[in-house]
Amino acid sequence: MPGTPEILGDIAAALSGLAGASALVTLMATRRAERLAPPIGRFCDVPGARLHYTDQGSGSAIVLIHGLGGQLRNFAPALVEHLARTFRVIAIDRPGCGYSTVRGQHPDLHAQAAMVAALLVRLETGPVMLVGHSLGGALSLALVEARPDLVAGLALVAPLTRQRRDAPSALRILTIRSAVARALIGWLVVGPAGRLMGKSSRSVVFDPDPMPDDYATLGGGALLYRPQTFDRASRDIQAVPAAMAAIEAGYAAIERPVHVLFGRGDRILPPALHGQQFVEQVPGADLTLVDGGHMLPFTQPLATARWIAAVASRALATRRA
């Protein structure tokens, strides 16, 4: 009969083997994800970061900024192509997300906004229409407050605009504060779980809309299962309360047109809180509600693009006048 030390040794060896197997699965999943959704744009070095972005069309510029755990593909190709018929359309991987990298500590929303501002200066865009989705909406608000000279107006789609005491239930796993725990979950859980989940037809992030079959490729959804995506999203969500306190304090002073689009069925950010209460605080802001969920830039690309084009045309014309 084996003694306790031998049993514990066997258990430790088994756990070590399981961890190694999980990490290998994650590494394979990461490589597969990057084959399914490779970089599709250009890179630009700005202070503190190397940003991945696409730049299409010509004319006045519209800048697309994605949300938590996402990347520029979250704006569906149909949306970008529709807008690029009339505007110059720049889509950006937020600092540390997608294929954008940062140097040093992961930046908070204000630092990310400064990096995006530096990119706009490098690209000589002139005042732009900022389109921020979800957490990208909060970044857009930070940017217009810090650099109003770079912004003609804001078109915010399902934006994060208020502090939350707790994360939505679907995102609660991201609230882990320990860097070690984040690394373990990213390498040993997220990758293997992503492989097992595969082509899940629905997700709370999309509800009540179905998750499109091509989201893993065209929408870059495959990149969700990279360990670094989990780590950056966790750091982002933990930095939100402090950043939002400062951003909210500046709402009354915003002097650019602000337009908000929300899906009535959004299960991530309640439209009454992040839409209606927000526009009541910002001079001249307005809210449009449509049937749908949180991922309107991918589930309803043409309708969302038409809304963006309409509000952008007005804001940019006013800016030129």
Protein backbone atom coordinates (compact mmCIF):
# COMPACT_ATOMS: atom_id res chain seq x y z
CA MET A 1 0.00 0.00 0.00
CA PRO A 2 1.42 3.39 -0.92
CA GLY A 3 1.84 5.85 1.93
CA THR A 4 0.54 9.40 2.15
CA PRO A 5 3.72 10.99 0.71
CA GLU A 6 3.54 8.71 -2.33
CA ILE A 7 -0.16 9.50 -2.86
CA LEU A 8 0.46 13.23 -2.56
CA GLY A 9 3.34 12.91 -4.98
CA ASP A 10 1.12 11.11 -7.49
CA ILE A 11 -1.56 13.80 -7.12
CA ALA A 12 1.01 16.56 -7.61
CA ALA A 13 2.38 14.83 -10.69
CA ALA A 14 -1.12 14.40 -12.10
CA LEU A 15 -1.99 18.05 -11.49
CA SER A 16 1.28 19.16 -13.04
CA GLY A 17 0.58 17.03 -16.08
CA LEU A 18 -2.95 18.41 -16.35
CA ALA A 19 -1.65 21.98 -16.10
CA GLY A 20 0.94 21.30 -18.77
CA ALA A 21 -1.67 19.78 -21.06
CA SER A 22 -4.01 22.73 -20.52
CA ALA A 23 -1.23 25.21 -21.26
CA LEU A 24 -0.38 23.32 -24.44
CA VAL A 25 -4.03 23.40 -25.52
CA THR A 26 -4.07 27.14 -24.83
CA LEU A 27 -0.91 27.71 -26.87
CA MET A 28 -2.41 25.75 -29.77
CA ALA A 29 -5.69 27.65 -29.42
CA THR A 30 -3.82 30.96 -29.47
CA ARG A 31 -1.95 30.05 -32.64
CA ARG A 32 -5.17 28.87 -34.26
CA ALA A 33 -6.97 32.07 -33.24
CA GLU A 34 -4.22 34.20 -34.78
CA ARG A 35 -4.49 32.21 -38.01
CA LEU A 36 -8.27 32.69 -38.07
CA ALA A 37 -8.08 36.41 -37.27
CA PRO A 38 -4.65 37.75 -38.25
CA PRO A 39 -3.66 41.43 -38.28
CA ILE A 40 -5.36 43.20 -41.18
CA GLY A 41 -4.04 46.73 -40.81
CA ARG A 42 -0.97 48.86 -40.27
CA PHE A 43 1.10 49.63 -37.20
CA CYS A 44 2.10 53.00 -35.77
CA ASP A 45 4.39 53.72 -32.83
CA VAL A 46 3.12 56.34 -30.38
CA PRO A 47 4.44 57.15 -26.90
CA GLY A 48 3.96 54.02 -24.80
CA ALA A 49 2.39 51.80 -27.46
CA ARG A 50 2.45 50.29 -30.93
CA LEU A 51 -1.06 50.56 -32.33
CA HIS A 52 -2.67 48.33 -34.95
CA TYR A 53 -5.25 50.12 -37.09
CA THR A 54 -7.00 50.09 -40.46
CA ASP A 55 -7.50 53.17 -42.61
CA GLN A 56 -10.01 53.12 -45.48
CA GLY A 57 -11.85 55.64 -47.62
CA SER A 58 -11.34 59.38 -47.84
CA GLY A 59 -12.89 62.59 -46.59
CA SER A 60 -13.74 63.59 -43.04
CA ALA A 61 -12.58 60.95 -40.57
CA ILE A 62 -14.64 58.56 -38.49
CA VAL A 63 -12.66 56.67 -35.83
CA LEU A 64 -13.97 53.33 -34.50
CA ILE A 65 -12.98 52.26 -30.97
CA HIS A 66 -14.01 48.81 -29.73
CA GLY A 67 -14.95 47.63 -26.27
CA LEU A 68 -13.80 45.27 -23.51
CA GLY A 69 -11.84 42.21 -24.63
CA GLY A 70 -12.38 43.15 -28.26
CA GLN A 71 -10.45 44.40 -31.26
CA LEU A 72 -11.14 46.37 -34.41
CA ARG A 73 -12.90 43.46 -36.15
CA ASN A 74 -15.80 43.92 -33.71
CA PHE A 75 -16.97 46.53 -36.22
CA ALA A 76 -18.31 44.28 -38.98
CA PRO A 77 -16.80 44.60 -42.47
CA ALA A 78 -20.20 45.64 -43.83
CA LEU A 79 -20.30 48.56 -41.37
CA VAL A 80 -16.80 49.74 -42.27
CA GLU A 81 -17.37 49.34 -46.02
CA HIS A 82 -20.63 51.29 -45.88
CA LEU A 83 -19.04 54.20 -44.03
CA ALA A 84 -15.91 54.18 -46.22
CA ARG A 85 -18.02 55.09 -49.25
CA THR A 86 -18.38 58.59 -47.81
CA PHE A 87 -15.82 58.98 -45.03
CA ARG A 88 -12.27 58.13 -44.10
CA VAL A 89 -12.73 55.28 -41.62
CA ILE A 90 -10.03 54.43 -39.09
CA ALA A 91 -10.56 51.42 -36.82
CA ILE A 92 -8.14 50.95 -33.93
CA ASP A 93 -7.15 48.06 -31.69
CA ARG A 94 -7.19 49.76 -28.28
CA PRO A 95 -3.78 49.84 -26.56
CA GLY A 96 -2.98 46.33 -25.32
CA CYS A 97 -5.88 44.77 -27.24
CA GLY A 98 -6.02 42.81 -30.47
CA TYR A 99 -2.63 43.31 -32.08
CA SER A 100 -1.81 46.62 -30.38
CA THR A 101 0.91 46.37 -27.75
CA VAL A 102 1.96 48.61 -24.88
CA ARG A 103 5.24 49.21 -23.13
CA GLY A 104 5.26 48.89 -19.36
CA GLN A 105 2.09 48.75 -17.26
CA HIS A 106 -1.28 48.25 -18.96
CA PRO A 107 -2.69 51.79 -19.38
CA ASP A 108 -5.94 53.02 -17.86
CA LEU A 109 -8.62 54.71 -19.99
CA HIS A 110 -7.04 58.15 -19.77
CA ALA A 111 -3.64 56.83 -20.84
CA GLN A 112 -5.28 54.85 -23.66
CA ALA A 113 -7.08 58.01 -24.78
CA ALA A 114 -3.75 59.85 -24.90
CA MET A 115 -2.28 57.09 -27.07
CA VAL A 116 -5.23 57.21 -29.46
CA ALA A 117 -4.93 61.01 -29.59
CA ALA A 118 -1.25 60.66 -30.50
CA LEU A 119 -2.22 58.32 -33.36
CA LEU A 120 -4.79 60.82 -34.69
CA VAL A 121 -2.14 63.53 -34.67
CA ARG A 122 0.28 61.24 -36.51
CA LEU A 123 -2.38 60.42 -39.11
CA GLU A 124 -3.26 64.11 -39.55
CA THR A 125 -6.98 63.38 -39.34
CA GLY A 126 -8.21 66.78 -38.29
CA PRO A 127 -11.26 66.76 -35.97
CA VAL A 128 -12.88 63.31 -36.13
CA MET A 129 -16.19 61.69 -35.37
CA LEU A 130 -15.41 59.26 -32.55
CA VAL A 131 -17.45 56.07 -32.56
CA GLY A 132 -17.00 54.22 -29.28
CA HIS A 133 -18.62 50.87 -28.55
CA SER A 134 -19.07 49.69 -24.95
CA LEU A 135 -15.79 50.42 -23.09
CA GLY A 136 -14.69 52.23 -26.23
CA GLY A 137 -17.44 54.72 -25.46
CA ALA A 138 -15.81 55.53 -22.13
CA LEU A 139 -12.45 55.93 -23.86
CA SER A 140 -14.07 58.26 -26.41
CA LEU A 141 -15.47 60.38 -23.59
CA ALA A 142 -12.06 60.55 -21.93
CA LEU A 143 -10.55 61.65 -25.24
CA VAL A 144 -13.07 64.41 -25.98
CA GLU A 145 -12.63 65.77 -22.45
CA ALA A 146 -8.83 65.81 -22.74
CA ARG A 147 -8.44 66.79 -26.41
CA PRO A 148 -11.62 68.47 -27.71
CA ASP A 149 -9.55 69.96 -30.54
CA LEU A 150 -9.28 66.49 -32.09
CA VAL A 151 -13.00 65.71 -31.93
CA ALA A 152 -15.93 66.95 -34.03
CA GLY A 153 -18.51 64.78 -32.29
CA LEU A 154 -19.26 61.46 -30.62
CA ALA A 155 -21.42 58.56 -31.81
CA LEU A 156 -21.53 56.13 -28.91
CA VAL A 157 -22.92 52.62 -29.40
CA ALA A 158 -23.99 50.82 -26.20
CA PRO A 159 -21.39 52.88 -24.29
CA LEU A 160 -20.15 52.46 -20.75
CA THR A 161 -20.93 55.88 -19.25
CA ARG A 162 -21.44 55.25 -15.53
CA GLN A 163 -19.55 53.70 -12.66
CA ARG A 164 -20.65 50.23 -11.65
CA ARG A 165 -20.17 48.79 -8.18
CA ASP A 166 -19.97 45.32 -9.65
CA ALA A 167 -19.35 43.85 -13.08
CA PRO A 168 -22.16 42.29 -15.13
CA SER A 169 -22.50 38.61 -14.22
CA ALA A 170 -21.14 37.54 -17.61
CA LEU A 171 -17.93 39.47 -16.92
CA ARG A 172 -17.44 38.72 -13.23
CA ILE A 173 -14.56 36.33 -13.82
CA LEU A 174 -12.58 39.34 -15.07
CA THR A 175 -12.61 40.99 -11.63
CA ILE A 176 -9.78 38.77 -10.34
CA ARG A 177 -7.11 41.06 -8.86
CA SER A 178 -4.25 38.61 -8.45
CA ALA A 179 -1.83 38.67 -11.39
CA VAL A 180 -0.92 35.04 -10.65
CA ALA A 181 -4.57 33.98 -10.66
CA ARG A 182 -5.17 35.85 -13.93
CA ALA A 183 -2.25 34.08 -15.54
CA LEU A 184 -3.41 30.67 -14.30
CA ILE A 185 -6.97 31.21 -15.52
CA GLY A 186 -5.79 32.65 -18.82
CA TRP A 187 -3.48 29.75 -19.56
CA LEU A 188 -5.24 26.83 -17.89
CA VAL A 189 -8.94 27.64 -18.22
CA VAL A 190 -9.80 30.24 -20.87
CA GLY A 191 -7.99 28.58 -23.76
CA PRO A 192 -9.24 25.02 -23.19
CA ALA A 193 -12.75 26.25 -22.34
CA GLY A 194 -12.82 28.31 -25.53
CA ARG A 195 -11.99 25.24 -27.56
CA LEU A 196 -14.76 23.28 -25.87
CA MET A 197 -17.33 26.06 -26.31
CA GLY A 198 -16.54 26.23 -30.01
CA LYS A 199 -19.47 27.49 -32.07
CA SER A 200 -21.90 28.33 -29.29
CA SER A 201 -24.92 29.79 -31.06
CA ARG A 202 -25.77 32.36 -28.41
CA SER A 203 -23.99 34.43 -25.81
CA VAL A 204 -25.19 36.78 -23.14
CA VAL A 205 -23.05 39.46 -24.78
CA PHE A 206 -25.14 39.15 -27.95
CA ASP A 207 -28.56 38.38 -26.44
CA PRO A 208 -31.29 38.78 -27.55
CA ASP A 209 -29.53 38.59 -30.94
CA PRO A 210 -27.87 35.31 -31.94
CA MET A 211 -24.11 35.24 -32.17
CA PRO A 212 -23.32 35.17 -35.92
CA ASP A 213 -21.59 32.04 -37.21
CA ASP A 214 -18.75 34.11 -38.68
CA TYR A 215 -17.98 36.05 -35.51
CA ALA A 216 -14.87 33.96 -34.74
CA THR A 217 -13.27 35.00 -38.03
CA LEU A 218 -14.83 38.19 -39.39
CA GLY A 219 -15.51 39.51 -35.89
CA GLY A 220 -12.20 38.36 -34.44
CA GLY A 221 -14.01 36.37 -31.76
CA ALA A 222 -11.36 33.66 -31.90
CA LEU A 223 -8.93 36.08 -30.25
CA LEU A 224 -11.02 36.02 -27.06
CA TYR A 225 -9.33 32.77 -26.09
CA ARG A 226 -5.78 34.10 -26.01
CA PRO A 227 -4.40 34.43 -22.44
CA GLN A 228 -3.36 38.03 -23.08
CA THR A 229 -6.92 38.95 -24.05
CA PHE A 230 -8.19 37.72 -20.69
CA ASP A 231 -5.40 39.50 -18.83
CA ARG A 232 -5.92 42.87 -20.57
CA ALA A 233 -9.70 42.69 -20.20
CA SER A 234 -9.32 41.93 -16.50
CA ARG A 235 -6.98 44.89 -16.03
CA ASP A 236 -9.35 47.14 -17.99
CA ILE A 237 -12.42 46.24 -15.97
CA GLN A 238 -10.64 46.72 -12.65
CA ALA A 239 -9.45 50.18 -13.68
CA VAL A 240 -12.95 51.32 -14.70
CA PRO A 241 -14.27 52.69 -11.35
CA ALA A 242 -11.44 55.16 -10.80
CA ALA A 243 -11.35 56.21 -14.45
CA MET A 244 -15.12 56.64 -14.72
CA ALA A 245 -15.24 58.86 -11.64
CA ALA A 246 -13.01 61.37 -13.43
CA ILE A 247 -14.74 60.96 -16.79
CA GLU A 248 -18.25 61.48 -15.35
CA ALA A 249 -17.10 64.66 -13.64
CA GLY A 250 -16.53 66.22 -17.07
CA TYR A 251 -19.88 65.45 -18.72
CA ALA A 252 -21.49 68.84 -18.19
CA ALA A 253 -18.54 70.58 -19.84
CA ILE A 254 -18.58 68.57 -23.10
CA GLU A 255 -19.10 71.00 -25.99
CA ARG A 256 -19.28 68.57 -28.91
CA PRO A 257 -22.38 66.83 -30.34
CA VAL A 258 -22.99 63.53 -28.53
CA HIS A 259 -25.31 60.86 -29.95
CA VAL A 260 -26.03 57.51 -28.29
CA LEU A 261 -27.41 54.27 -29.79
CA PHE A 262 -28.60 51.40 -27.58
CA GLY A 263 -30.32 48.07 -28.07
CA ARG A 264 -33.38 47.81 -25.85
CA GLY A 265 -32.43 44.24 -24.94
CA ASP A 266 -28.81 44.96 -23.96
CA ARG A 267 -27.92 42.57 -21.12
CA ILE A 268 -24.44 43.99 -20.48
CA LEU A 269 -25.06 47.72 -20.00
CA PRO A 270 -28.63 48.78 -19.09
CA PRO A 271 -29.82 51.45 -21.56
CA ALA A 272 -31.72 53.34 -18.85
CA LEU A 273 -28.52 53.82 -16.83
CA HIS A 274 -25.84 54.17 -19.49
CA GLY A 275 -28.05 55.79 -22.11
CA GLN A 276 -30.95 57.82 -20.73
CA GLN A 277 -29.30 59.00 -17.51
CA PHE A 278 -26.15 59.84 -19.44
CA VAL A 279 -27.78 62.02 -22.10
CA GLU A 280 -29.58 63.93 -19.36
CA GLN A 281 -26.15 65.00 -18.06
CA VAL A 282 -24.57 66.04 -21.36
CA PRO A 283 -25.78 69.26 -22.98
CA GLY A 284 -27.62 68.54 -26.25
CA ALA A 285 -27.00 64.78 -26.20
CA ASP A 286 -29.64 62.43 -27.63
CA LEU A 287 -30.49 58.73 -27.34
CA THR A 288 -31.78 56.35 -30.03
CA LEU A 289 -33.19 52.98 -28.96
CA VAL A 290 -33.53 50.02 -31.33
CA ASP A 291 -34.47 46.38 -30.96
CA GLY A 292 -31.35 44.33 -30.26
CA GLY A 293 -28.58 43.62 -27.80
CA HIS A 294 -25.10 44.83 -26.94
CA MET A 295 -23.19 43.93 -30.12
CA LEU A 296 -24.99 46.17 -32.62
CA PRO A 297 -21.83 46.98 -34.65
CA PHE A 298 -21.64 43.30 -35.60
CA THR A 299 -25.23 42.04 -35.41
CA GLN A 300 -26.81 45.04 -37.16
CA PRO A 301 -23.92 46.51 -39.17
CA LEU A 302 -25.83 48.34 -41.89
CA ALA A 303 -28.42 49.88 -39.58
CA THR A 304 -25.64 50.94 -37.20
CA ALA A 305 -23.56 52.32 -40.08
CA ARG A 306 -26.49 54.38 -41.38
CA TRP A 307 -27.04 55.83 -37.92
CA ILE A 308 -23.34 56.68 -37.58
CA ALA A 309 -23.28 58.26 -41.06
CA ALA A 310 -26.32 60.41 -40.30
CA VAL A 311 -25.06 61.81 -37.00
CA ALA A 312 -21.50 62.15 -38.32
CA SER A 313 -22.64 64.15 -41.34
CA ARG A 314 -24.40 66.65 -39.09
CA ALA A 315 -21.55 66.93 -36.59
CA LEU A 316 -18.82 67.25 -39.20
CA ALA A 317 -20.81 69.80 -41.21
CA THR A 318 -21.34 71.89 -38.08
CA ARG A 319 -17.63 71.68 -37.29
CA ARG A 320 -16.69 72.91 -40.78
CA ALA A 321 -19.20 75.80 -40.69
